């Protein structure tokens, strides 16, 4: 079964903006640095992000 990762972070080098998809086969989801509140917005960051040049 093929999996797709949808992404709208245009500054990421793995984002294919025209399709709104990530070009990686998988990603690592990580919490933000120094966040221990347990809220979803603090613990659902893409750890595979690399800024476009």
C-alpha atoms as a PDB file:
ATOM      1  CA  UNK A   1       0.000   0.000   0.000  1.00  0.00           C
ATOM      2  CA  UNK A   2       1.463   3.351  -1.040  1.00  0.00           C
ATOM      3  CA  UNK A   3       1.495   6.067   1.577  1.00  0.00           C
ATOM      4  CA  UNK A   4       1.426   9.787   0.840  1.00  0.00           C
ATOM      5  CA  UNK A   5       2.562  12.543   3.151  1.00  0.00           C
ATOM      6  CA  UNK A   6       0.714  15.772   2.527  1.00  0.00           C
ATOM      7  CA  UNK A   7       2.538  18.963   3.435  1.00  0.00           C
ATOM      8  CA  UNK A   8       1.948  22.680   3.041  1.00  0.00           C
ATOM      9  CA  UNK A   9       5.279  23.914   4.443  1.00  0.00           C
ATOM     10  CA  UNK A  10       6.635  25.710   1.380  1.00  0.00           C
ATOM     11  CA  UNK A  11      10.016  26.461   2.991  1.00  0.00           C
ATOM     12  CA  UNK A  12      10.881  22.748   3.296  1.00  0.00           C
ATOM     13  CA  UNK A  13      13.175  21.340   0.617  1.00  0.00           C
ATOM     14  CA  UNK A  14      11.127  18.110   0.524  1.00  0.00           C
ATOM     15  CA  UNK A  15       7.836  19.888  -0.241  1.00  0.00           C
ATOM     16  CA  UNK A  16       6.451  19.526  -3.738  1.00  0.00           C
ATOM     17  CA  UNK A  17       4.279  22.649  -3.625  1.00  0.00           C
ATOM     18  CA  UNK A  18       2.290  22.005  -6.789  1.00  0.00           C
ATOM     19  CA  UNK A  19       0.988  18.718  -5.374  1.00  0.00           C
ATOM     20  CA  UNK A  20       1.078  19.686  -1.696  1.00  0.00           C
ATOM     21  CA  UNK A  21       3.068  16.557  -0.953  1.00  0.00           C
ATOM     22  CA  UNK A  22       6.297  15.625   0.786  1.00  0.00           C
ATOM     23  CA  UNK A  23       8.801  13.802  -1.427  1.00  0.00           C
ATOM     24  CA  UNK A  24      10.119  11.682   1.464  1.00  0.00           C
ATOM     25  CA  UNK A  25       8.920   8.098   1.903  1.00  0.00           C
ATOM     26  CA  UNK A  26       8.664   8.620   5.653  1.00  0.00           C
ATOM     27  CA  UNK A  27       9.161  11.378   8.229  1.00  0.00           C
ATOM     28  CA  UNK A  28      10.112  11.612  11.885  1.00  0.00           C
ATOM     29  CA  UNK A  29       7.530  13.446  14.018  1.00  0.00           C
ATOM     30  CA  UNK A  30       9.119  15.205  16.988  1.00  0.00           C
ATOM     31  CA  UNK A  31       8.109  17.603  19.768  1.00  0.00           C
ATOM     32  CA  UNK A  32       9.396  21.165  19.644  1.00  0.00           C
ATOM     33  CA  UNK A  33      12.450  21.964  21.739  1.00  0.00           C
ATOM     34  CA  UNK A  34      11.745  22.536  25.435  1.00  0.00           C
ATOM     35  CA  UNK A  35       8.008  21.805  25.106  1.00  0.00           C
ATOM     36  CA  UNK A  36       6.567  19.521  27.733  1.00  0.00           C
ATOM     37  CA  UNK A  37       2.974  20.738  27.866  1.00  0.00           C
ATOM     38  CA  UNK A  38       1.476  17.802  25.987  1.00  0.00           C
ATOM     39  CA  UNK A  39      -0.512  19.949  23.560  1.00  0.00           C
ATOM     40  CA  UNK A  40      -0.703  18.653  19.955  1.00  0.00           C
ATOM     41  CA  UNK A  41       0.647  21.865  18.406  1.00  0.00           C
ATOM     42  CA  UNK A  42       3.808  21.508  20.530  1.00  0.00           C
ATOM     43  CA  UNK A  43       4.368  17.806  19.891  1.00  0.00           C
ATOM     44  CA  UNK A  44       3.673  17.267  16.209  1.00  0.00           C
ATOM     45  CA  UNK A  45       6.549  18.895  14.314  1.00  0.00           C
ATOM     46  CA  UNK A  46       8.235  17.285  11.322  1.00  0.00           C
ATOM     47  CA  UNK A  47      11.729  16.352  12.482  1.00  0.00           C
ATOM     48  CA  UNK A  48      12.728  15.628   8.862  1.00  0.00           C
ATOM     49  CA  UNK A  49      12.370  19.300   7.860  1.00  0.00           C
ATOM     50  CA  UNK A  50      15.271  20.879   5.977  1.00  0.00           C
ATOM     51  CA  UNK A  51      14.930  24.503   4.895  1.00  0.00           C
ATOM     52  CA  UNK A  52      15.073  25.177   1.160  1.00  0.00           C
ATOM     53  CA  UNK A  53      18.029  27.178  -0.084  1.00  0.00           C
END
